[in-house]
Protein backbone atom coordinates (compact mmCIF):
# COMPACT_ATOMS: atom_id res chain seq x y z
CA MET A 1 27.06 8.28 28.96
CA LEU A 2 23.44 7.68 29.76
CA ASP A 3 22.21 8.00 26.20
CA ARG A 4 24.53 5.27 25.02
CA ARG A 5 23.26 2.96 27.69
CA PHE A 6 19.74 3.27 26.35
CA ALA A 7 20.64 3.51 22.65
CA MET A 8 20.25 -0.25 22.17
CA GLU A 9 18.18 -1.44 19.25
CA GLY A 10 14.68 -2.05 20.42
CA GLY A 11 15.25 -0.59 23.96
CA VAL A 12 16.17 -2.31 27.07
CA PRO A 13 14.33 -4.81 29.24
CA ASP A 14 12.50 -3.16 32.24
CA ARG A 15 14.81 -4.71 34.80
CA THR A 16 17.87 -3.70 32.88
CA ALA A 17 16.46 -0.15 32.68
CA ALA A 18 15.88 -0.21 36.47
CA ALA A 19 19.42 -1.43 37.10
CA ILE A 20 20.91 1.31 34.88
CA ALA A 21 18.73 3.94 36.65
CA VAL A 22 20.04 2.71 40.00
CA ASP A 23 23.58 3.02 38.73
CA VAL A 24 22.93 6.55 37.37
CA SER A 25 21.54 7.50 40.67
CA LEU A 26 24.49 6.08 42.66
CA ASP A 27 26.90 8.01 40.39
CA ALA A 28 25.00 11.22 41.22
CA LEU A 29 25.02 10.44 44.96
CA ARG A 30 28.78 9.92 45.01
CA ARG A 31 29.66 12.76 42.64
CA GLU A 32 27.89 15.67 44.43
CA PRO A 33 29.76 16.91 47.56
CA ASP A 34 26.69 18.42 49.33
CA PRO A 35 24.52 15.58 50.85
CA ARG A 36 21.18 17.31 50.33
CA ARG A 37 21.95 18.23 46.64
CA ALA A 38 23.37 14.67 46.16
CA VAL A 39 20.11 13.00 47.25
CA ILE A 40 18.04 15.39 45.11
CA ALA A 41 20.30 14.88 42.10
CA ALA A 42 20.30 11.09 42.53
CA TYR A 43 16.51 11.00 42.50
CA ALA A 44 16.25 13.28 39.56
CA ALA A 45 18.83 11.18 37.62
CA MET A 46 16.88 8.02 38.43
CA GLU A 47 13.58 9.49 37.20
CA ARG A 48 15.25 10.72 33.91
CA ALA A 49 16.87 7.36 33.35
CA LEU A 50 13.63 5.41 33.85
CA SER A 51 11.72 7.78 31.73
CA GLY A 52 14.42 7.71 28.94
CA ALA A 53 14.17 3.87 28.96
CA GLY A 54 10.53 3.97 28.16
CA LEU A 55 9.31 3.50 31.72
CA GLY A 56 7.61 6.88 31.87
CA ARG A 57 5.38 8.33 34.54
CA HIS A 58 1.59 7.98 34.22
CA ARG A 59 -0.28 11.27 34.01
CA SER A 60 -1.85 10.68 37.42
CA GLU A 61 1.44 9.97 39.20
CA ALA A 62 3.43 12.26 41.29
CA PRO A 63 7.17 11.79 40.97
CA MET A 64 7.38 9.90 44.22
CA GLU A 65 4.60 7.53 43.25
CA TYR A 66 6.15 6.98 39.84
CA VAL A 67 9.66 5.97 41.08
CA ARG A 68 8.06 3.82 43.79
CA ARG A 69 5.87 2.04 41.38
CA VAL A 70 8.58 1.39 38.75
CA LEU A 71 11.35 0.33 41.14
CA THR A 72 9.07 -1.78 43.32
CA GLU A 73 7.73 -3.57 40.25
CA GLN A 74 11.15 -4.13 38.70
CA THR A 75 13.22 -4.90 41.76
CA ARG A 76 10.90 -6.42 44.29
CA ALA A 77 12.64 -4.44 47.03
CA PRO A 78 9.90 -2.26 48.47
CA GLU A 79 11.66 -1.35 51.81
CA GLU A 80 14.78 -0.13 50.00
CA VAL A 81 12.64 1.85 47.57
CA ARG A 82 10.75 3.40 50.51
CA THR A 83 14.01 4.35 52.05
CA VAL A 84 15.27 6.05 48.89
CA THR A 85 12.06 8.01 48.21
CA GLY A 86 11.75 8.96 51.91
CA LEU A 87 15.27 10.40 51.97
CA PHE A 88 14.46 12.30 48.71
CA GLN A 89 11.31 13.78 50.36
CA VAL A 90 13.34 14.95 53.31
CA ALA A 91 16.11 16.47 51.09
CA LYS A 92 13.76 18.16 48.70
CA PHE A 93 10.88 19.32 50.76
CA SER A 94 12.03 19.81 54.35
CA GLN A 95 14.34 22.16 56.27
CA HIS A 96 15.72 19.17 58.27
CA PRO A 97 19.42 18.64 57.86
CA VAL A 98 20.60 16.20 55.35
CA ASP A 99 23.97 14.77 56.35
CA GLU A 100 26.54 12.20 55.28
CA GLY A 101 24.67 9.47 57.21
CA MET A 102 21.61 10.07 55.03
CA ARG A 103 23.78 9.96 51.88
CA ARG A 104 25.22 6.64 53.09
CA SER A 105 21.74 5.29 53.82
CA ALA A 106 20.69 6.22 50.26
CA ILE A 107 23.77 4.55 48.83
CA ALA A 108 23.18 1.45 50.86
CA ALA A 109 19.51 1.22 49.90
CA LEU A 110 20.37 1.70 46.17
CA GLU A 111 23.03 -0.95 46.37
CA ARG A 112 20.49 -3.41 47.87
CA ILE A 113 18.05 -2.48 45.10
CA ARG A 114 20.79 -3.14 42.56
CA ALA A 115 21.49 -6.61 44.15
CA ALA A 116 17.75 -7.37 44.12
CA THR A 117 17.53 -6.46 40.42
CA ALA A 118 20.52 -8.66 39.63
CA ARG A 119 18.95 -11.62 41.44
CA LEU A 120 15.75 -11.21 39.27
CA ALA A 121 17.56 -10.85 35.96
């Protein structure tokens, strides 16, 4: 599915790539039953999609810095990007519970990012 989205002749515009990455991330959030694994899978799917679209990470960037930079540049939705990356940090690196409310927060933030991307396109 993802490969076909990026298989366009000459690649895809950056904003289109960002929109596709958000859609892939939303799919992962909704598909995984466990909220913690869902948030982690969504973030990983987004990073793979962005990288696959030619918006790869700079050598000096950590994964969090990378996704923040690309999404903020392409969507102009910095608060929503901070929400998504913050939820990922909690899910991936802490022992704090990750519940359905956090999943819903991630979905809502990604939907706002998608709307911001559409307005800019």
